[in-house]
PDB file of N, CA and C in Angstrom:
ATOM      1  N   MET A   1      38.197  78.083 162.609  1.00  0.00           N
ATOM      2  CA  MET A   1      39.448  78.175 163.316  1.00  0.00           C
ATOM      3  C   MET A   1      39.595  76.955 164.225  1.00  0.00           C
ATOM      4  N   ARG A   2      40.771  76.329 164.175  1.00  0.00           N
ATOM      5  CA  ARG A   2      41.054  75.163 165.009  1.00  0.00           C
ATOM      6  C   ARG A   2      42.263  75.451 165.893  1.00  0.00           C
ATOM      7  N   LYS A   3      42.160  75.009 167.139  1.00  0.00           N
ATOM      8  CA  LYS A   3      43.267  75.176 168.077  1.00  0.00           C
ATOM      9  C   LYS A   3      43.600  73.808 168.664  1.00  0.00           C
ATOM     10  N   GLN A   4      44.851  73.425 168.571  1.00  0.00           N
ATOM     11  CA  GLN A   4      45.295  72.148 169.130  1.00  0.00           C
ATOM     12  C   GLN A   4      45.388  72.244 170.653  1.00  0.00           C
ATOM     13  N   ILE A   5      44.927  71.196 171.321  1.00  0.00           N
ATOM     14  CA  ILE A   5      45.041  71.098 172.779  1.00  0.00           C
ATOM     15  C   ILE A   5      46.004  69.959 173.095  1.00  0.00           C
ATOM     16  N   VAL A   6      47.084  70.306 173.754  1.00  0.00           N
ATOM     17  CA  VAL A   6      48.029  69.321 174.268  1.00  0.00           C
ATOM     18  C   VAL A   6      48.164  69.635 175.750  1.00  0.00           C
ATOM     19  N   ALA A   7      47.667  68.771 176.595  1.00  0.00           N
ATOM     20  CA  ALA A   7      47.671  69.019 178.035  1.00  0.00           C
ATOM     21  C   ALA A   7      49.052  68.746 178.618  1.00  0.00           C
ATOM     22  N   GLU A   8      49.531  69.686 179.402  1.00  0.00           N
ATOM     23  CA  GLU A   8      50.838  69.531 180.047  1.00  0.00           C
ATOM     24  C   GLU A   8      50.886  68.260 180.900  1.00  0.00           C
ATOM     25  N   LYS A   9      49.776  67.953 181.583  1.00  0.00           N
ATOM     26  CA  LYS A   9      49.704  66.769 182.443  1.00  0.00           C
ATOM     27  C   LYS A   9      49.266  65.517 181.683  1.00  0.00           C
ATOM     28  N   GLY A  10      48.970  65.657 180.400  1.00  0.00           N
ATOM     29  CA  GLY A  10      48.436  64.539 179.628  1.00  0.00           C
ATOM     30  C   GLY A  10      49.484  63.718 178.923  1.00  0.00           C
ATOM     31  N   ALA A  11      49.049  62.599 178.394  1.00  0.00           N
ATOM     32  CA  ALA A  11      49.920  61.712 177.632  1.00  0.00           C
ATOM     33  C   ALA A  11      50.239  62.338 176.279  1.00  0.00           C
ATOM     34  N   ALA A  12      51.466  62.178 175.839  1.00  0.00           N
ATOM     35  CA  ALA A  12      51.874  62.682 174.524  1.00  0.00           C
ATOM     36  C   ALA A  12      51.214  61.834 173.434  1.00  0.00           C
ATOM     37  N   PRO A  13      50.864  62.438 172.308  1.00  0.00           N
ATOM     38  CA  PRO A  13      50.269  61.660 171.216  1.00  0.00           C
ATOM     39  C   PRO A  13      51.225  60.567 170.744  1.00  0.00           C
ATOM     40  N   GLN A  14      50.668  59.437 170.352  1.00  0.00           N
ATOM     41  CA  GLN A  14      51.455  58.305 169.882  1.00  0.00           C
ATOM     42  C   GLN A  14      51.544  58.266 168.354  1.00  0.00           C
ATOM     43  N   GLY A  15      51.187  59.359 167.703  1.00  0.00           N
ATOM     44  CA  GLY A  15      51.207  59.401 166.243  1.00  0.00           C
ATOM     45  C   GLY A  15      50.920  60.803 165.753  1.00  0.00           C
ATOM     46  N   PRO A  16      50.685  60.951 164.442  1.00  0.00           N
ATOM     47  CA  PRO A  16      50.443  62.277 163.852  1.00  0.00           C
ATOM     48  C   PRO A  16      48.998  62.735 164.012  1.00  0.00           C
ATOM     49  N   TYR A  17      48.626  63.078 165.237  1.00  0.00           N
ATOM     50  CA  TYR A  17      47.281  63.587 165.521  1.00  0.00           C
ATOM     51  C   TYR A  17      47.346  64.520 166.717  1.00  0.00           C
ATOM     52  N   SER A  18      46.311  65.299 166.885  1.00  0.00           N
ATOM     53  CA  SER A  18      46.190  66.180 168.047  1.00  0.00           C
ATOM     54  C   SER A  18      45.400  65.443 169.123  1.00  0.00           C
ATOM     55  N   PRO A  19      45.830  65.515 170.381  1.00  0.00           N
ATOM     56  CA  PRO A  19      45.050  64.882 171.441  1.00  0.00           C
ATOM     57  C   PRO A  19      43.629  65.442 171.511  1.00  0.00           C
ATOM     58  N   ALA A  20      43.491  66.731 171.231  1.00  0.00           N
ATOM     59  CA  ALA A  20      42.170  67.362 171.173  1.00  0.00           C
ATOM     60  C   ALA A  20      42.275  68.602 170.294  1.00  0.00           C
ATOM     61  N   ILE A  21      41.153  68.973 169.713  1.00  0.00           N
ATOM     62  CA  ILE A  21      41.056  70.173 168.876  1.00  0.00           C
ATOM     63  C   ILE A  21      39.841  70.971 169.337  1.00  0.00           C
ATOM     64  N   VAL A  22      40.036  72.265 169.544  1.00  0.00           N
ATOM     65  CA  VAL A  22      38.916  73.166 169.804  1.00  0.00           C
ATOM     66  C   VAL A  22      38.574  73.838 168.479  1.00  0.00           C
ATOM     67  N   ALA A  23      37.309  73.736 168.075  1.00  0.00           N
ATOM     68  CA  ALA A  23      36.844  74.333 166.822  1.00  0.00           C
ATOM     69  C   ALA A  23      36.018  75.575 167.136  1.00  0.00           C
ATOM     70  N   ASP A  24      36.382  76.664 166.519  1.00  0.00           N
ATOM     71  CA  ASP A  24      35.669  77.938 166.653  1.00  0.00           C
ATOM     72  C   ASP A  24      35.465  78.371 168.105  1.00  0.00           C
ATOM     73  N   GLY A  25      36.312  77.879 169.000  1.00  0.00           N
ATOM     74  CA  GLY A  25      36.234  78.282 170.404  1.00  0.00           C
ATOM     75  C   GLY A  25      35.011  77.778 171.147  1.00  0.00           C
ATOM     76  N   THR A  26      34.247  76.878 170.523  1.00  0.00           N
ATOM     77  CA  THR A  26      32.994  76.447 171.149  1.00  0.00           C
ATOM     78  C   THR A  26      32.871  74.950 171.383  1.00  0.00           C
ATOM     79  N   VAL A  27      33.589  74.147 170.608  1.00  0.00           N
ATOM     80  CA  VAL A  27      33.457  72.692 170.694  1.00  0.00           C
ATOM     81  C   VAL A  27      34.848  72.071 170.762  1.00  0.00           C
ATOM     82  N   VAL A  28      34.999  71.084 171.635  1.00  0.00           N
ATOM     83  CA  VAL A  28      36.266  70.353 171.708  1.00  0.00           C
ATOM     84  C   VAL A  28      36.033  68.915 171.262  1.00  0.00           C
ATOM     85  N   TYR A  29      36.906  68.454 170.384  1.00  0.00           N
ATOM     86  CA  TYR A  29      36.896  67.085 169.879  1.00  0.00           C
ATOM     87  C   TYR A  29      38.103  66.384 170.492  1.00  0.00           C
ATOM     88  N   VAL A  30      37.854  65.422 171.363  1.00  0.00           N
ATOM     89  CA  VAL A  30      38.931  64.689 172.022  1.00  0.00           C
ATOM     90  C   VAL A  30      39.200  63.417 171.227  1.00  0.00           C
ATOM     91  N   SER A  31      40.443  63.245 170.783  1.00  0.00           N
ATOM     92  CA  SER A  31      40.837  62.036 170.066  1.00  0.00           C
ATOM     93  C   SER A  31      40.711  60.820 170.967  1.00  0.00           C
ATOM     94  N   GLY A  32      40.672  59.656 170.348  1.00  0.00           N
ATOM     95  CA  GLY A  32      40.593  58.414 171.113  1.00  0.00           C
ATOM     96  C   GLY A  32      41.710  58.327 172.140  1.00  0.00           C
ATOM     97  N   GLN A  33      41.316  58.110 173.375  1.00  0.00           N
ATOM     98  CA  GLN A  33      42.268  57.984 174.473  1.00  0.00           C
ATOM     99  C   GLN A  33      42.211  56.561 175.010  1.00  0.00           C
ATOM    100  N   GLY A  34      43.373  56.072 175.395  1.00  0.00           N
ATOM    101  CA  GLY A  34      43.466  54.745 175.989  1.00  0.00           C
ATOM    102  C   GLY A  34      44.165  54.831 177.329  1.00  0.00           C
ATOM    103  N   PRO A  35      44.507  53.685 177.876  1.00  0.00           N
ATOM    104  CA  PRO A  35      45.109  53.628 179.204  1.00  0.00           C
ATOM    105  C   PRO A  35      46.615  53.895 179.180  1.00  0.00           C
ATOM    106  N   VAL A  36      46.992  55.084 178.760  1.00  0.00           N
ATOM    107  CA  VAL A  36      48.401  55.453 178.680  1.00  0.00           C
ATOM    108  C   VAL A  36      48.777  56.278 179.903  1.00  0.00           C
ATOM    109  N   ASP A  37      49.849  55.893 180.557  1.00  0.00           N
ATOM    110  CA  ASP A  37      50.350  56.647 181.705  1.00  0.00           C
ATOM    111  C   ASP A  37      50.976  57.939 181.189  1.00  0.00           C
ATOM    112  N   PRO A  38      50.453  59.109 181.588  1.00  0.00           N
ATOM    113  CA  PRO A  38      50.977  60.375 181.078  1.00  0.00           C
ATOM    114  C   PRO A  38      52.443  60.624 181.453  1.00  0.00           C
ATOM    115  N   GLN A  39      52.882  60.047 182.551  1.00  0.00           N
ATOM    116  CA  GLN A  39      54.263  60.256 182.994  1.00  0.00           C
ATOM    117  C   GLN A  39      55.265  59.474 182.161  1.00  0.00           C
ATOM    118  N   THR A  40      54.917  58.223 181.827  1.00  0.00           N
ATOM    119  CA  THR A  40      55.871  57.341 181.148  1.00  0.00           C
ATOM    120  C   THR A  40      55.574  57.146 179.667  1.00  0.00           C
ATOM    121  N   GLY A  41      54.331  57.428 179.259  1.00  0.00           N
ATOM    122  CA  GLY A  41      53.932  57.170 177.877  1.00  0.00           C
ATOM    123  C   GLY A  41      53.676  55.695 177.605  1.00  0.00           C
ATOM    124  N   GLN A  42      53.709  54.876 178.645  1.00  0.00           N
ATOM    125  CA  GLN A  42      53.511  53.436 178.501  1.00  0.00           C
ATOM    126  C   GLN A  42      52.048  53.069 178.747  1.00  0.00           C
ATOM    127  N   LEU A  43      51.613  51.999 178.084  1.00  0.00           N
ATOM    128  CA  LEU A  43      50.262  51.487 178.321  1.00  0.00           C
ATOM    129  C   LEU A  43      50.171  50.921 179.733  1.00  0.00           C
ATOM    130  N   CYS A  44      49.049  51.176 180.390  1.00  0.00           N
ATOM    131  CA  CYS A  44      48.745  50.596 181.704  1.00  0.00           C
ATOM    132  C   CYS A  44      47.861  49.386 181.437  1.00  0.00           C
ATOM    133  N   LEU A  45      48.442  48.218 181.475  1.00  0.00           N
ATOM    134  CA  LEU A  45      47.725  47.013 181.062  1.00  0.00           C
ATOM    135  C   LEU A  45      47.272  46.168 182.241  1.00  0.00           C
ATOM    136  N   GLY A  46      46.519  46.773 183.138  1.00  0.00           N
ATOM    137  CA  GLY A  46      45.947  46.039 184.260  1.00  0.00           C
ATOM    138  C   GLY A  46      44.596  45.476 183.869  1.00  0.00           C
ATOM    139  N   SER A  47      43.713  45.403 184.839  1.00  0.00           N
ATOM    140  CA  SER A  47      42.359  44.907 184.614  1.00  0.00           C
ATOM    141  C   SER A  47      41.585  45.875 183.717  1.00  0.00           C
ATOM    142  N   PHE A  48      40.421  45.427 183.251  1.00  0.00           N
ATOM    143  CA  PHE A  48      39.580  46.318 182.452  1.00  0.00           C
ATOM    144  C   PHE A  48      39.275  47.585 183.237  1.00  0.00           C
ATOM    145  N   ARG A  49      38.925  47.436 184.519  1.00  0.00           N
ATOM    146  CA  ARG A  49      38.591  48.586 185.359  1.00  0.00           C
ATOM    147  C   ARG A  49      39.767  49.566 185.433  1.00  0.00           C
ATOM    148  N   GLU A  50      40.962  49.056 185.651  1.00  0.00           N
ATOM    149  CA  GLU A  50      42.141  49.925 185.741  1.00  0.00           C
ATOM    150  C   GLU A  50      42.384  50.654 184.418  1.00  0.00           C
ATOM    151  N   GLN A  51      42.227  49.932 183.308  1.00  0.00           N
ATOM    152  CA  GLN A  51      42.423  50.556 182.002  1.00  0.00           C
ATOM    153  C   GLN A  51      41.350  51.611 181.739  1.00  0.00           C
ATOM    154  N   ALA A  52      40.106  51.308 182.072  1.00  0.00           N
ATOM    155  CA  ALA A  52      39.016  52.265 181.847  1.00  0.00           C
ATOM    156  C   ALA A  52      39.213  53.512 182.707  1.00  0.00           C
ATOM    157  N   GLU A  53      39.592  53.342 183.958  1.00  0.00           N
ATOM    158  CA  GLU A  53      39.829  54.496 184.837  1.00  0.00           C
ATOM    159  C   GLU A  53      40.932  55.385 184.279  1.00  0.00           C
ATOM    160  N   ARG A  54      42.033  54.807 183.842  1.00  0.00           N
ATOM    161  CA  ARG A  54      43.141  55.590 183.284  1.00  0.00           C
ATOM    162  C   ARG A  54      42.692  56.306 182.013  1.00  0.00           C
ATOM    163  N   THR A  55      41.897  55.625 181.204  1.00  0.00           N
ATOM    164  CA  THR A  55      41.388  56.221 179.965  1.00  0.00           C
ATOM    165  C   THR A  55      40.520  57.437 180.281  1.00  0.00           C
ATOM    166  N   PHE A  56      39.594  57.303 181.216  1.00  0.00           N
ATOM    167  CA  PHE A  56      38.734  58.433 181.584  1.00  0.00           C
ATOM    168  C   PHE A  56      39.532  59.553 182.249  1.00  0.00           C
ATOM    169  N   GLN A  57      40.541  59.211 183.027  1.00  0.00           N
ATOM    170  CA  GLN A  57      41.398  60.247 183.608  1.00  0.00           C
ATOM    171  C   GLN A  57      42.109  61.030 182.510  1.00  0.00           C
ATOM    172  N   ASN A  58      42.580  60.333 181.479  1.00  0.00           N
ATOM    173  CA  ASN A  58      43.258  61.009 180.362  1.00  0.00           C
ATOM    174  C   ASN A  58      42.310  61.954 179.637  1.00  0.00           C
ATOM    175  N   ILE A  59      41.071  61.531 179.447  1.00  0.00           N
ATOM    176  CA  ILE A  59      40.085  62.402 178.806  1.00  0.00           C
ATOM    177  C   ILE A  59      39.824  63.620 179.684  1.00  0.00           C
ATOM    178  N   GLY A  60      39.658  63.419 180.970  1.00  0.00           N
ATOM    179  CA  GLY A  60      39.413  64.528 181.895  1.00  0.00           C
ATOM    180  C   GLY A  60      40.515  65.574 181.851  1.00  0.00           C
ATOM    181  N   ILE A  61      41.756  65.130 181.734  1.00  0.00           N
ATOM    182  CA  ILE A  61      42.893  66.055 181.635  1.00  0.00           C
ATOM    183  C   ILE A  61      42.752  66.925 180.384  1.00  0.00           C
ATOM    184  N   LEU A  62      42.366  66.324 179.275  1.00  0.00           N
ATOM    185  CA  LEU A  62      42.198  67.078 178.023  1.00  0.00           C
ATOM    186  C   LEU A  62      41.000  68.010 178.079  1.00  0.00           C
ATOM    187  N   LEU A  63      39.897  67.549 178.649  1.00  0.00           N
ATOM    188  CA  LEU A  63      38.724  68.422 178.775  1.00  0.00           C
ATOM    189  C   LEU A  63      39.081  69.666 179.584  1.00  0.00           C
ATOM    190  N   GLU A  64      39.771  69.475 180.695  1.00  0.00           N
ATOM    191  CA  GLU A  64      40.170  70.607 181.536  1.00  0.00           C
ATOM    192  C   GLU A  64      41.101  71.551 180.775  1.00  0.00           C
ATOM    193  N   ALA A  65      42.058  70.998 180.049  1.00  0.00           N
ATOM    194  CA  ALA A  65      42.992  71.829 179.283  1.00  0.00           C
ATOM    195  C   ALA A  65      42.276  72.636 178.204  1.00  0.00           C
ATOM    196  N   ALA A  66      41.150  72.106 177.709  1.00  0.00           N
ATOM    197  CA  ALA A  66      40.374  72.790 176.670  1.00  0.00           C
ATOM    198  C   ALA A  66      39.381  73.783 177.246  1.00  0.00           C
ATOM    199  N   GLY A  67      39.248  73.829 178.581  1.00  0.00           N
ATOM    200  CA  GLY A  67      38.331  74.777 179.200  1.00  0.00           C
ATOM    201  C   GLY A  67      36.923  74.265 179.377  1.00  0.00           C
ATOM    202  N   THR A  68      36.772  72.948 179.472  1.00  0.00           N
ATOM    203  CA  THR A  68      35.448  72.375 179.671  1.00  0.00           C
ATOM    204  C   THR A  68      35.528  71.253 180.696  1.00  0.00           C
ATOM    205  N   SER A  69      34.457  70.473 180.831  1.00  0.00           N
ATOM    206  CA  SER A  69      34.418  69.424 181.836  1.00  0.00           C
ATOM    207  C   SER A  69      33.453  68.319 181.403  1.00  0.00           C
ATOM    208  N   TRP A  70      33.392  67.282 182.234  1.00  0.00           N
ATOM    209  CA  TRP A  70      32.512  66.149 181.949  1.00  0.00           C
ATOM    210  C   TRP A  70      31.068  66.566 181.746  1.00  0.00           C
ATOM    211  N   GLU A  71      30.583  67.535 182.490  1.00  0.00           N
ATOM    212  CA  GLU A  71      29.173  67.917 182.394  1.00  0.00           C
ATOM    213  C   GLU A  71      28.820  68.539 181.045  1.00  0.00           C
ATOM    214  N   HIS A  72      29.819  68.904 180.263  1.00  0.00           N
ATOM    215  CA  HIS A  72      29.582  69.530 178.964  1.00  0.00           C
ATOM    216  C   HIS A  72      29.833  68.582 177.784  1.00  0.00           C
ATOM    217  N   VAL A  73      30.066  67.307 178.083  1.00  0.00           N
ATOM    218  CA  VAL A  73      30.269  66.320 177.023  1.00  0.00           C
ATOM    219  C   VAL A  73      28.922  65.996 176.379  1.00  0.00           C
ATOM    220  N   ALA A  74      28.887  66.092 175.052  1.00  0.00           N
ATOM    221  CA  ALA A  74      27.648  65.855 174.314  1.00  0.00           C
ATOM    222  C   ALA A  74      27.610  64.488 173.636  1.00  0.00           C
ATOM    223  N   LYS A  75      28.781  63.920 173.310  1.00  0.00           N
ATOM    224  CA  LYS A  75      28.843  62.652 172.565  1.00  0.00           C
ATOM    225  C   LYS A  75      30.061  61.862 173.013  1.00  0.00           C
ATOM    226  N   VAL A  76      29.876  60.567 173.235  1.00  0.00           N
ATOM    227  CA  VAL A  76      30.948  59.657 173.624  1.00  0.00           C
ATOM    228  C   VAL A  76      30.925  58.454 172.692  1.00  0.00           C
ATOM    229  N   THR A  77      32.096  58.049 172.241  1.00  0.00           N
ATOM    230  CA  THR A  77      32.230  56.799 171.499  1.00  0.00           C
ATOM    231  C   THR A  77      33.248  55.952 172.238  1.00  0.00           C
ATOM    232  N   ALA A  78      32.855  54.739 172.587  1.00  0.00           N
ATOM    233  CA  ALA A  78      33.751  53.821 173.298  1.00  0.00           C
ATOM    234  C   ALA A  78      33.985  52.584 172.442  1.00  0.00           C
ATOM    235  N   TYR A  79      35.225  52.137 172.452  1.00  0.00           N
ATOM    236  CA  TYR A  79      35.636  50.926 171.749  1.00  0.00           C
ATOM    237  C   TYR A  79      36.107  49.944 172.817  1.00  0.00           C
ATOM    238  N   LEU A  80      35.450  48.807 172.902  1.00  0.00           N
ATOM    239  CA  LEU A  80      35.794  47.784 173.886  1.00  0.00           C
ATOM    240  C   LEU A  80      36.381  46.581 173.159  1.00  0.00           C
ATOM    241  N   ALA A  81      37.501  46.077 173.655  1.00  0.00           N
ATOM    242  CA  ALA A  81      38.101  44.892 173.043  1.00  0.00           C
ATOM    243  C   ALA A  81      37.214  43.672 173.255  1.00  0.00           C
ATOM    244  N   ASP A  82      36.494  43.639 174.366  1.00  0.00           N
ATOM    245  CA  ASP A  82      35.607  42.525 174.691  1.00  0.00           C
ATOM    246  C   ASP A  82      34.259  43.089 175.131  1.00  0.00           C
ATOM    247  N   TYR A  83      33.235  42.817 174.347  1.00  0.00           N
ATOM    248  CA  TYR A  83      31.912  43.349 174.689  1.00  0.00           C
ATOM    249  C   TYR A  83      31.390  42.776 176.007  1.00  0.00           C
ATOM    250  N   GLY A  84      32.038  41.752 176.508  1.00  0.00           N
ATOM    251  CA  GLY A  84      31.697  41.215 177.812  1.00  0.00           C
ATOM    252  C   GLY A  84      31.999  42.206 178.932  1.00  0.00           C
ATOM    253  N   SER A  85      32.766  43.248 178.633  1.00  0.00           N
ATOM    254  CA  SER A  85      33.087  44.293 179.616  1.00  0.00           C
ATOM    255  C   SER A  85      32.043  45.405 179.643  1.00  0.00           C
ATOM    256  N   PHE A  86      30.988  45.272 178.857  1.00  0.00           N
ATOM    257  CA  PHE A  86      30.005  46.336 178.711  1.00  0.00           C
ATOM    258  C   PHE A  86      29.368  46.756 180.041  1.00  0.00           C
ATOM    259  N   ALA A  87      28.963  45.801 180.856  1.00  0.00           N
ATOM    260  CA  ALA A  87      28.324  46.137 182.144  1.00  0.00           C
ATOM    261  C   ALA A  87      29.303  46.878 183.054  1.00  0.00           C
ATOM    262  N   GLU A  88      30.537  46.440 183.091  1.00  0.00           N
ATOM    263  CA  GLU A  88      31.545  47.117 183.912  1.00  0.00           C
ATOM    264  C   GLU A  88      31.830  48.511 183.363  1.00  0.00           C
ATOM    265  N   TYR A  89      31.855  48.638 182.039  1.00  0.00           N
ATOM    266  CA  TYR A  89      32.022  49.947 181.410  1.00  0.00           C
ATOM    267  C   TYR A  89      30.903  50.894 181.847  1.00  0.00           C
ATOM    268  N   ASN A  90      29.660  50.420 181.812  1.00  0.00           N
ATOM    269  CA  ASN A  90      28.530  51.254 182.222  1.00  0.00           C
ATOM    270  C   ASN A  90      28.673  51.712 183.667  1.00  0.00           C
ATOM    271  N   GLU A  91      29.131  50.839 184.533  1.00  0.00           N
ATOM    272  CA  GLU A  91      29.320  51.171 185.941  1.00  0.00           C
ATOM    273  C   GLU A  91      30.347  52.311 186.101  1.00  0.00           C
ATOM    274  N   ILE A  92      31.440  52.213 185.402  1.00  0.00           N
ATOM    275  CA  ILE A  92      32.487  53.243 185.456  1.00  0.00           C
ATOM    276  C   ILE A  92      31.985  54.529 184.811  1.00  0.00           C
ATOM    277  N   TYR A  93      31.337  54.395 183.673  1.00  0.00           N
ATOM    278  CA  TYR A  93      30.808  55.535 182.911  1.00  0.00           C
ATOM    279  C   TYR A  93      29.902  56.410 183.783  1.00  0.00           C
ATOM    280  N   LYS A  94      29.058  55.777 184.592  1.00  0.00           N
ATOM    281  CA  LYS A  94      28.101  56.520 185.417  1.00  0.00           C
ATOM    282  C   LYS A  94      28.770  57.305 186.542  1.00  0.00           C
ATOM    283  N   ARG A  95      30.035  57.076 186.795  1.00  0.00           N
ATOM    284  CA  ARG A  95      30.754  57.890 187.782  1.00  0.00           C
ATOM    285  C   ARG A  95      31.219  59.207 187.165  1.00  0.00           C
ATOM    286  N   TYR A  96      31.259  59.278 185.839  1.00  0.00           N
ATOM    287  CA  TYR A  96      31.714  60.486 185.150  1.00  0.00           C
ATOM    288  C   TYR A  96      30.565  61.302 184.577  1.00  0.00           C
ATOM    289  N   PHE A  97      29.435  60.662 184.318  1.00  0.00           N
ATOM    290  CA  PHE A  97      28.307  61.329 183.679  1.00  0.00           C
ATOM    291  C   PHE A  97      27.038  61.159 184.497  1.00  0.00           C
ATOM    292  N   VAL A  98      26.182  62.185 184.458  1.00  0.00           N
ATOM    293  CA  VAL A  98      24.873  62.123 185.096  1.00  0.00           C
ATOM    294  C   VAL A  98      23.816  62.460 184.054  1.00  0.00           C
ATOM    295  N   SER A  99      22.594  62.163 184.372  1.00  0.00           N
ATOM    296  CA  SER A  99      21.488  62.453 183.475  1.00  0.00           C
ATOM    297  C   SER A  99      21.306  63.967 183.329  1.00  0.00           C
ATOM    298  N   PRO A 100      21.063  64.470 182.150  1.00  0.00           N
ATOM    299  CA  PRO A 100      20.920  63.739 180.908  1.00  0.00           C
ATOM    300  C   PRO A 100      22.294  63.298 180.383  1.00  0.00           C
ATOM    301  N   TYR A 101      22.403  61.996 180.133  1.00  0.00           N
ATOM    302  CA  TYR A 101      23.664  61.432 179.657  1.00  0.00           C
ATOM    303  C   TYR A 101      23.967  61.895 178.241  1.00  0.00           C
ATOM    304  N   PRO A 102      25.263  61.935 177.887  1.00  0.00           N
ATOM    305  CA  PRO A 102      25.617  62.279 176.507  1.00  0.00           C
ATOM    306  C   PRO A 102      25.082  61.219 175.531  1.00  0.00           C
ATOM    307  N   ALA A 103      24.948  61.598 174.286  1.00  0.00           N
ATOM    308  CA  ALA A 103      24.690  60.607 173.247  1.00  0.00           C
ATOM    309  C   ALA A 103      25.904  59.668 173.251  1.00  0.00           C
ATOM    310  N   ARG A 104      25.683  58.399 172.895  1.00  0.00           N
ATOM    311  CA  ARG A 104      26.788  57.450 173.048  1.00  0.00           C
ATOM    312  C   ARG A 104      26.705  56.325 172.043  1.00  0.00           C
ATOM    313  N   THR A 105      27.880  55.867 171.621  1.00  0.00           N
ATOM    314  CA  THR A 105      28.020  54.676 170.803  1.00  0.00           C
ATOM    315  C   THR A 105      29.081  53.806 171.464  1.00  0.00           C
ATOM    316  N   THR A 106      28.817  52.509 171.546  1.00  0.00           N
ATOM    317  CA  THR A 106      29.795  51.574 172.099  1.00  0.00           C
ATOM    318  C   THR A 106      29.983  50.448 171.084  1.00  0.00           C
ATOM    319  N   ILE A 107      31.240  50.191 170.742  1.00  0.00           N
ATOM    320  CA  ILE A 107      31.576  49.253 169.680  1.00  0.00           C
ATOM    321  C   ILE A 107      32.613  48.262 170.187  1.00  0.00           C
ATOM    322  N   GLN A 108      32.489  46.989 169.791  1.00  0.00           N
ATOM    323  CA  GLN A 108      33.563  46.041 170.053  1.00  0.00           C
ATOM    324  C   GLN A 108      34.568  46.175 168.923  1.00  0.00           C
ATOM    325  N   ALA A 109      35.840  46.285 169.274  1.00  0.00           N
ATOM    326  CA  ALA A 109      36.874  46.514 168.268  1.00  0.00           C
ATOM    327  C   ALA A 109      38.178  45.844 168.678  1.00  0.00           C
ATOM    328  N   GLY A 110      38.978  45.489 167.683  1.00  0.00           N
ATOM    329  CA  GLY A 110      40.318  44.979 167.948  1.00  0.00           C
ATOM    330  C   GLY A 110      41.209  46.143 168.348  1.00  0.00           C
ATOM    331  N   LEU A 111      41.728  46.116 169.562  1.00  0.00           N
ATOM    332  CA  LEU A 111      42.511  47.239 170.079  1.00  0.00           C
ATOM    333  C   LEU A 111      43.938  46.835 170.425  1.00  0.00           C
ATOM    334  N   GLY A 112      44.395  45.736 169.900  1.00  0.00           N
ATOM    335  CA  GLY A 112      45.730  45.283 170.259  1.00  0.00           C
ATOM    336  C   GLY A 112      45.766  44.897 171.725  1.00  0.00           C
ATOM    337  N   LYS A 113      46.677  45.488 172.474  1.00  0.00           N
ATOM    338  CA  LYS A 113      46.828  45.163 173.898  1.00  0.00           C
ATOM    339  C   LYS A 113      45.825  45.889 174.788  1.00  0.00           C
ATOM    340  N   MET A 114      45.225  46.962 174.279  1.00  0.00           N
ATOM    341  CA  MET A 114      44.296  47.754 175.099  1.00  0.00           C
ATOM    342  C   MET A 114      42.942  47.073 175.211  1.00  0.00           C
ATOM    343  N   ALA A 115      42.268  47.299 176.342  1.00  0.00           N
ATOM    344  CA  ALA A 115      40.917  46.785 176.546  1.00  0.00           C
ATOM    345  C   ALA A 115      39.865  47.823 176.189  1.00  0.00           C
ATOM    346  N   ILE A 116      40.275  49.114 176.097  1.00  0.00           N
ATOM    347  CA  ILE A 116      39.312  50.193 175.893  1.00  0.00           C
ATOM    348  C   ILE A 116      39.991  51.392 175.240  1.00  0.00           C
ATOM    349  N   GLU A 117      39.228  52.095 174.410  1.00  0.00           N
ATOM    350  CA  GLU A 117      39.602  53.399 173.867  1.00  0.00           C
ATOM    351  C   GLU A 117      38.316  54.222 173.811  1.00  0.00           C
ATOM    352  N   VAL A 118      38.410  55.505 174.161  1.00  0.00           N
ATOM    353  CA  VAL A 118      37.225  56.360 174.207  1.00  0.00           C
ATOM    354  C   VAL A 118      37.556  57.707 173.600  1.00  0.00           C
ATOM    355  N   ASP A 119      36.637  58.245 172.794  1.00  0.00           N
ATOM    356  CA  ASP A 119      36.742  59.634 172.334  1.00  0.00           C
ATOM    357  C   ASP A 119      35.458  60.348 172.683  1.00  0.00           C
ATOM    358  N   CYS A 120      35.477  61.671 172.598  1.00  0.00           N
ATOM    359  CA  CYS A 120      34.257  62.412 172.923  1.00  0.00           C
ATOM    360  C   CYS A 120      34.266  63.795 172.282  1.00  0.00           C
ATOM    361  N   ILE A 121      33.094  64.400 172.313  1.00  0.00           N
ATOM    362  CA  ILE A 121      32.881  65.763 171.837  1.00  0.00           C
ATOM    363  C   ILE A 121      32.210  66.516 172.972  1.00  0.00           C
ATOM    364  N   ALA A 122      32.732  67.692 173.291  1.00  0.00           N
ATOM    365  CA  ALA A 122      32.158  68.492 174.378  1.00  0.00           C
ATOM    366  C   ALA A 122      32.025  69.941 173.933  1.00  0.00           C
ATOM    367  N   VAL A 123      31.102  70.648 174.536  1.00  0.00           N
ATOM    368  CA  VAL A 123      30.978  72.082 174.294  1.00  0.00           C
ATOM    369  C   VAL A 123      31.806  72.822 175.341  1.00  0.00           C
ATOM    370  N   ILE A 124      32.218  74.015 175.008  1.00  0.00           N
ATOM    371  CA  ILE A 124      32.968  74.858 175.928  1.00  0.00           C
ATOM    372  C   ILE A 124      31.997  75.902 176.448  1.00  0.00           C
ATOM    373  N   PRO A 125      31.765  75.919 177.766  1.00  0.00           N
ATOM    374  CA  PRO A 125      30.789  76.877 178.310  1.00  0.00           C
ATOM    375  C   PRO A 125      31.243  78.312 178.111  1.00  0.00           C
ATOM    376  N   LYS A 126      30.272  79.200 177.965  1.00  0.00           N
ATOM    377  CA  LYS A 126      30.578  80.622 177.762  1.00  0.00           C
ATOM    378  C   LYS A 126      30.665  81.337 179.070  1.00  0.00           C
TER     379      LYS A 126
END
């Protein structure tokens, strides 16, 4: 059983996908999120730090709407337009996660105007 999660406070999807899906009521799969302003639907194209913060805020909104939180994230995949931002990404990442950290993959990717996109998988606590 799959349930679509669309957060009232979150950014609307920019294509034919669900912002997040809860599977069997136990796991949430958050689609790739970027620095989109939930109010305007426009990209927030500031510094890497500003884009990363907005991206993580968007993920947090979806996690909350799905009934979970950062502490229940098991896997994170991050796409960075410039791998030179890796150290700054780690600094921001550590404000959202504590040990034991989720499993993680970080990839350099062509993201158009965005500097970062992140998706994750989290469990829903019972």
